[in-house]
Amino acid sequence: MERIYHQALREAIAAGEAILAQNGQAIDAVTAAVVALENCPLFNAGHGSVYTADGLHEMDASLMDGRTLAAGAVAGVSTVGNPILLARAVMEKTDCVLMSGAGAERFARECGIEARPPEYFATPHRLEQLQSARQASAVAQLDHDGASATGNPSADPIDPNRKFGTVGAVARDQFGNLAAATSTGGMTNKRPGRVGDSPIIGAGCYADNGSVAVSATGTGEHFIRTVLAYDIAACVKYGKLPLNQAAGQAVMEKLGAIGGRGGVIAIDHDGNLAMPFNTSGMYRAWVRQHQKPVTAIFAGPAEEALQGQ
């Protein structure tokens, strides 16, 4: 299963890299990478989204262009297979930043964004997770917390119950522009109508050419309360902290201080990368021009290589 996840990560990052390699823009690269992740049933976004307590799907997404500070987001959509494409349409075709629910879905139809039937999102392992969560009545866990204890060799490498999860991408293009995108199916067995940090600009997603691009994953309420993505940007821009220090402090100290769990992926205007997390693992990948892509799940040598670049 680890090999399968590594391959899926490579395919997603290749989608974004291909655009940058053709002198494309960062906003297009992050959109392409997140679309690839939304289309993959392994990840909790789009096609692989988890179930709410009502046995339905409610998805959120956002993206931000660091060049213009333009942003778009959607919350609580249930018929859109690629919520990130709808978030981009909100950014480019309306004077709104955030749209939700039925109004957002009506706008998707106006834009010609393909609607998906409920069965498109009905993946068997997500239904099994809903049933397990209902029986356990336990505190929700992150995708990134707790190695599998099932003894099943086909189990996911990180928490098989997959209660929380988000996908995202950040990029810097040859013009120095930054962009970030985030998408999620939310939380298994979540209260219908609950919205986390993923569609909240400054909490789960932020990009500014003058500082950083950040995409977050974790316990959304904590990221909202700390405005974590913007906090990292502010520490870099106004506090003059290096990215790895700003991101590390935000995740390990500020988020952890209020019981938050999760991590971020971030890139600054100089192309420095940071991917701190305070969980047992975080699915992640990165690539630089003329270098081979790197994929990782748990902490280890890959992180040392990241800090050395």
Protein backbone atom coordinates (compact mmCIF):
# COMPACT_ATOMS: atom_id res chain seq x y z
CA MET A 1 0.00 0.00 0.00
CA GLU A 2 2.89 2.38 0.66
CA ARG A 3 4.05 1.84 -2.92
CA ILE A 4 0.57 2.65 -4.19
CA TYR A 5 0.50 5.91 -2.24
CA HIS A 6 3.98 6.89 -3.41
CA GLN A 7 2.92 6.30 -7.01
CA ALA A 8 -0.22 8.40 -6.60
CA LEU A 9 1.85 11.23 -5.13
CA ARG A 10 4.29 11.04 -8.03
CA GLU A 11 1.44 11.27 -10.54
CA ALA A 12 -0.04 14.31 -8.80
CA ILE A 13 3.23 16.19 -8.59
CA ALA A 14 4.03 15.30 -12.20
CA ALA A 15 0.81 17.01 -13.27
CA GLY A 16 1.95 20.27 -11.71
CA GLU A 17 5.57 19.90 -12.77
CA ALA A 18 4.58 19.44 -16.42
CA ILE A 19 2.96 22.87 -16.42
CA LEU A 20 5.93 24.60 -14.79
CA ALA A 21 8.33 22.86 -17.19
CA GLN A 22 6.45 24.50 -20.09
CA ASN A 23 6.92 27.96 -18.51
CA GLY A 24 3.42 27.77 -17.04
CA GLN A 25 2.13 29.69 -14.05
CA ALA A 26 2.07 28.58 -10.43
CA ILE A 27 -1.73 28.91 -10.18
CA ASP A 28 -2.15 26.45 -13.06
CA ALA A 29 0.35 24.03 -11.54
CA VAL A 30 -1.35 23.83 -8.15
CA THR A 31 -4.74 23.46 -9.79
CA ALA A 32 -3.52 20.54 -11.90
CA ALA A 33 -1.88 18.79 -8.95
CA VAL A 34 -5.00 19.07 -6.79
CA VAL A 35 -7.26 17.88 -9.62
CA ALA A 36 -5.09 14.75 -9.84
CA LEU A 37 -5.46 14.19 -6.10
CA GLU A 38 -9.22 14.81 -6.21
CA ASN A 39 -9.53 12.21 -8.96
CA CYS A 40 -7.67 9.57 -6.92
CA PRO A 41 -9.84 7.55 -4.48
CA LEU A 42 -6.90 7.15 -2.05
CA PHE A 43 -7.19 10.73 -0.83
CA ASN A 44 -9.97 12.49 1.03
CA ALA A 45 -11.04 14.98 -1.63
CA GLY A 46 -13.27 14.79 -4.68
CA HIS A 47 -13.71 11.15 -5.71
CA GLY A 48 -12.22 9.83 -2.45
CA SER A 49 -14.23 12.05 -0.10
CA VAL A 50 -15.44 10.71 3.23
CA TYR A 51 -19.07 10.47 4.38
CA THR A 52 -20.93 12.82 6.71
CA ALA A 53 -23.08 11.50 9.55
CA ASP A 54 -26.01 11.56 7.12
CA GLY A 55 -24.17 9.25 4.73
CA LEU A 56 -23.62 12.02 2.18
CA HIS A 57 -20.63 14.01 0.94
CA GLU A 58 -19.83 17.67 1.59
CA MET A 59 -16.62 19.00 0.03
CA ASP A 60 -14.64 22.21 0.44
CA ALA A 61 -11.80 23.76 -1.56
CA SER A 62 -9.86 26.99 -2.03
CA LEU A 63 -6.97 28.46 -3.98
CA MET A 64 -5.03 31.72 -3.99
CA ASP A 65 -2.81 33.49 -6.50
CA GLY A 66 0.17 35.10 -4.79
CA ARG A 67 0.75 37.50 -7.68
CA THR A 68 -2.59 39.31 -7.33
CA LEU A 69 -3.90 38.03 -3.97
CA ALA A 70 -6.96 36.83 -5.88
CA ALA A 71 -8.67 33.89 -4.18
CA GLY A 72 -11.65 31.61 -4.61
CA ALA A 73 -13.29 29.02 -2.38
CA VAL A 74 -16.31 26.75 -2.09
CA ALA A 75 -17.83 24.97 0.89
CA GLY A 76 -20.40 22.23 1.36
CA VAL A 77 -20.69 21.13 -2.28
CA SER A 78 -21.87 17.58 -2.95
CA THR A 79 -22.16 17.13 -6.71
CA VAL A 80 -18.85 18.56 -7.94
CA GLY A 81 -16.17 15.99 -8.67
CA ASN A 82 -13.39 18.59 -8.71
CA PRO A 83 -14.22 21.28 -6.15
CA ILE A 84 -10.89 23.03 -6.85
CA LEU A 85 -12.09 23.81 -10.38
CA LEU A 86 -15.22 25.40 -8.95
CA ALA A 87 -13.12 27.40 -6.46
CA ARG A 88 -11.04 28.68 -9.37
CA ALA A 89 -14.20 29.66 -11.25
CA VAL A 90 -15.32 31.62 -8.19
CA MET A 91 -11.97 33.42 -8.23
CA GLU A 92 -11.96 34.19 -11.94
CA LYS A 93 -15.63 34.69 -12.83
CA THR A 94 -17.23 36.36 -9.80
CA ASP A 95 -16.54 39.16 -7.37
CA CYS A 96 -16.88 36.63 -4.52
CA VAL A 97 -14.20 34.79 -2.59
CA LEU A 98 -16.33 32.09 -0.95
CA MET A 99 -19.51 30.43 -2.18
CA SER A 100 -21.34 27.53 -0.52
CA GLY A 101 -23.94 24.84 -0.88
CA ALA A 102 -26.71 24.96 -3.45
CA GLY A 103 -25.71 28.40 -4.72
CA ALA A 104 -22.18 27.21 -5.44
CA GLU A 105 -23.49 24.14 -7.23
CA ARG A 106 -25.83 26.24 -9.34
CA PHE A 107 -22.87 28.41 -10.27
CA ALA A 108 -20.93 25.26 -11.22
CA ARG A 109 -23.68 24.34 -13.69
CA GLU A 110 -23.61 27.87 -15.12
CA CYS A 111 -19.87 27.47 -15.69
CA GLY A 112 -20.27 24.08 -17.36
CA ILE A 113 -18.39 22.27 -14.61
CA GLU A 114 -19.41 18.62 -14.76
CA ALA A 115 -21.79 17.42 -12.06
CA ARG A 116 -21.26 13.97 -10.58
CA PRO A 117 -23.97 11.61 -9.26
CA PRO A 118 -23.82 10.41 -5.63
CA GLU A 119 -22.49 7.00 -6.66
CA TYR A 120 -19.34 8.65 -8.05
CA PHE A 121 -18.32 9.49 -4.48
CA ALA A 122 -19.50 6.18 -2.99
CA THR A 123 -16.17 4.43 -2.54
CA PRO A 124 -16.39 1.18 -0.52
CA HIS A 125 -13.54 1.87 1.91
CA ARG A 126 -14.99 5.30 2.83
CA LEU A 127 -18.35 3.66 3.59
CA GLU A 128 -16.57 1.12 5.76
CA GLN A 129 -14.89 3.98 7.63
CA LEU A 130 -18.25 5.64 8.24
CA GLN A 131 -19.68 2.42 9.64
CA SER A 132 -16.62 1.93 11.82
CA ALA A 133 -16.80 5.50 13.12
CA ARG A 134 -20.48 5.15 13.96
CA GLN A 135 -19.82 1.98 15.93
CA ALA A 136 -16.79 3.31 17.74
CA SER A 137 -18.24 6.72 18.65
CA ALA A 138 -14.64 7.71 19.21
CA VAL A 139 -12.80 10.99 18.91
CA ALA A 140 -11.95 11.57 15.27
CA GLN A 141 -8.39 10.97 14.18
CA LEU A 142 -6.33 12.39 11.35
CA ASP A 143 -5.35 10.56 8.21
CA HIS A 144 -1.83 11.34 9.35
CA ASP A 145 -2.07 10.02 12.92
CA GLY A 146 -1.38 6.48 14.05
CA ALA A 147 0.15 3.67 12.05
CA SER A 148 -2.13 0.80 11.15
CA ALA A 149 -2.61 -1.64 13.98
CA THR A 150 -4.84 -4.02 12.07
CA GLY A 151 -2.10 -6.40 10.98
CA ASN A 152 -3.63 -6.30 7.52
CA PRO A 153 -0.83 -5.97 4.95
CA SER A 154 -3.20 -4.18 2.56
CA ALA A 155 -4.13 -1.51 5.11
CA ASP A 156 -3.29 2.14 4.49
CA PRO A 157 0.18 3.05 5.79
CA ILE A 158 -1.29 5.79 7.98
CA ASP A 159 -4.40 5.46 10.19
CA PRO A 160 -6.73 3.01 8.43
CA ASN A 161 -9.83 4.74 9.78
CA ARG A 162 -9.04 7.94 7.85
CA LYS A 163 -11.21 10.31 9.85
CA PHE A 164 -9.65 13.58 8.65
CA GLY A 165 -7.75 14.48 5.52
CA THR A 166 -6.99 17.20 3.03
CA VAL A 167 -5.06 17.49 -0.23
CA GLY A 168 -3.15 20.52 -1.35
CA ALA A 169 -0.35 21.95 -3.46
CA VAL A 170 1.96 24.96 -3.43
CA ALA A 171 4.23 26.17 -6.22
CA ARG A 172 6.67 28.83 -7.36
CA ASP A 173 6.98 29.40 -11.10
CA GLN A 174 9.88 30.81 -13.17
CA PHE A 175 8.41 34.30 -12.86
CA GLY A 176 8.62 34.14 -9.07
CA ASN A 177 4.86 33.85 -8.63
CA LEU A 178 3.49 31.75 -5.77
CA ALA A 179 0.18 29.90 -5.52
CA ALA A 180 -1.58 27.54 -3.14
CA ALA A 181 -4.58 25.23 -3.42
CA THR A 182 -6.41 23.07 -0.87
CA SER A 183 -9.30 20.58 -1.16
CA THR A 184 -11.03 18.20 1.25
CA GLY A 185 -13.95 15.88 1.79
CA GLY A 186 -13.99 16.90 5.45
CA MET A 187 -14.26 14.48 8.34
CA THR A 188 -15.76 10.99 8.47
CA ASN A 189 -19.10 11.03 10.32
CA LYS A 190 -18.92 14.82 10.63
CA ARG A 191 -21.94 16.89 11.55
CA PRO A 192 -23.69 17.95 8.31
CA GLY A 193 -22.92 21.57 7.55
CA ARG A 194 -19.60 21.56 9.37
CA VAL A 195 -16.91 23.54 7.52
CA GLY A 196 -13.24 23.29 8.39
CA ASP A 197 -10.22 25.36 7.44
CA SER A 198 -9.77 24.20 3.84
CA PRO A 199 -12.01 26.87 2.22
CA ILE A 200 -10.93 29.59 4.65
CA ILE A 201 -8.30 31.90 3.14
CA GLY A 202 -5.61 32.50 5.75
CA ALA A 203 -6.41 29.35 7.70
CA GLY A 204 -6.06 26.40 5.33
CA CYS A 205 -4.73 28.22 2.29
CA TYR A 206 -2.74 31.39 1.62
CA ALA A 207 -0.36 32.78 -1.01
CA ASP A 208 1.47 36.10 -1.35
CA ASN A 209 4.43 36.67 -3.65
CA GLY A 210 5.96 38.83 -0.94
CA SER A 211 6.15 36.00 1.54
CA VAL A 212 4.92 32.41 1.11
CA ALA A 213 2.35 29.99 -0.26
CA VAL A 214 0.84 27.59 2.29
CA SER A 215 -1.62 24.69 2.17
CA ALA A 216 -2.68 23.03 5.42
CA THR A 217 -4.12 19.72 6.56
CA GLY A 218 -5.31 18.71 10.01
CA THR A 219 -7.89 19.52 12.67
CA GLY A 220 -9.57 22.37 10.86
CA GLU A 221 -11.05 24.23 13.81
CA HIS A 222 -7.56 24.70 15.27
CA PHE A 223 -6.18 26.03 11.99
CA ILE A 224 -9.06 28.51 11.83
CA ARG A 225 -8.51 29.67 15.41
CA THR A 226 -4.80 30.27 14.81
CA VAL A 227 -5.25 31.59 11.24
CA LEU A 228 -2.25 29.35 10.69
CA ALA A 229 -1.50 29.79 7.00
CA TYR A 230 -1.48 33.58 7.30
CA ASP A 231 0.46 33.39 10.56
CA ILE A 232 3.30 31.68 8.71
CA ALA A 233 3.18 34.32 5.97
CA ALA A 234 3.23 37.15 8.51
CA CYS A 235 6.18 35.67 10.41
CA VAL A 236 8.14 35.52 7.14
CA LYS A 237 7.06 38.90 5.79
CA TYR A 238 7.04 41.04 8.92
CA GLY A 239 9.00 38.97 11.43
CA LYS A 240 11.73 38.21 8.86
CA LEU A 241 11.86 34.58 9.98
CA PRO A 242 13.18 31.92 7.60
CA LEU A 243 10.38 29.76 6.21
CA ASN A 244 11.39 26.55 8.00
CA GLN A 245 11.41 28.39 11.34
CA ALA A 246 8.11 30.18 10.75
CA ALA A 247 6.34 27.02 9.59
CA GLY A 248 7.90 24.88 12.31
CA GLN A 249 6.88 27.23 15.09
CA ALA A 250 3.35 27.53 13.74
CA VAL A 251 2.78 23.77 13.57
CA MET A 252 4.81 22.54 16.52
CA GLU A 253 4.17 25.36 18.99
CA LYS A 254 1.14 27.50 18.11
CA LEU A 255 -1.02 24.71 16.74
CA GLY A 256 0.12 22.20 19.33
CA ALA A 257 -0.49 24.64 22.19
CA ILE A 258 -4.25 24.43 21.65
CA GLY A 259 -4.33 20.72 20.89
CA GLY A 260 -4.27 21.00 17.11
CA ARG A 261 -2.90 18.22 14.93
CA GLY A 262 -1.72 18.28 11.36
CA GLY A 263 0.83 19.93 9.12
CA VAL A 264 1.48 22.28 6.23
CA ILE A 265 3.32 22.39 2.94
CA ALA A 266 4.88 25.78 2.19
CA ILE A 267 7.19 27.53 -0.26
CA ASP A 268 8.62 31.05 -0.05
CA HIS A 269 9.52 33.66 -2.65
CA ASP A 270 13.09 32.32 -2.82
CA GLY A 271 11.91 28.75 -3.46
CA ASN A 272 12.68 27.41 0.01
CA LEU A 273 10.40 24.56 1.13
CA ALA A 274 8.98 23.52 4.50
CA MET A 275 6.65 20.61 5.33
CA PRO A 276 6.39 20.33 9.13
CA PHE A 277 3.78 18.11 10.79
CA ASN A 278 3.10 17.11 14.40
CA THR A 279 1.43 13.80 13.49
CA SER A 280 2.95 10.38 12.88
CA GLY A 281 3.12 11.08 9.15
CA MET A 282 1.88 13.21 6.28
CA TYR A 283 1.57 12.19 2.62
CA ARG A 284 3.76 14.66 0.72
CA ALA A 285 5.93 15.15 -2.35
CA TRP A 286 8.10 17.84 -3.87
CA VAL A 287 10.11 18.50 -6.99
CA ARG A 288 12.50 21.17 -8.26
CA GLN A 289 13.52 21.94 -11.81
CA HIS A 290 16.09 19.47 -13.15
CA GLN A 291 15.74 17.27 -10.07
CA LYS A 292 13.93 14.01 -9.41
CA PRO A 293 10.68 14.18 -7.43
CA VAL A 294 10.68 13.03 -3.81
CA THR A 295 7.70 11.39 -2.08
CA ALA A 296 7.37 10.66 1.62
CA ILE A 297 4.86 9.45 4.19
CA PHE A 298 6.65 9.33 7.54
CA ALA A 299 9.46 11.54 8.90
CA GLY A 300 12.95 10.43 7.95
CA PRO A 301 15.82 10.94 5.52
CA ALA A 302 13.60 12.68 3.00
CA GLU A 303 13.08 15.52 5.47
CA GLU A 304 16.81 15.89 5.93
CA ALA A 305 17.21 16.17 2.16
CA LEU A 306 14.43 18.78 2.06
CA GLN A 307 16.22 20.97 4.62
CA GLY A 308 19.45 20.63 2.70
CA GLN A 309 18.04 22.15 -0.51
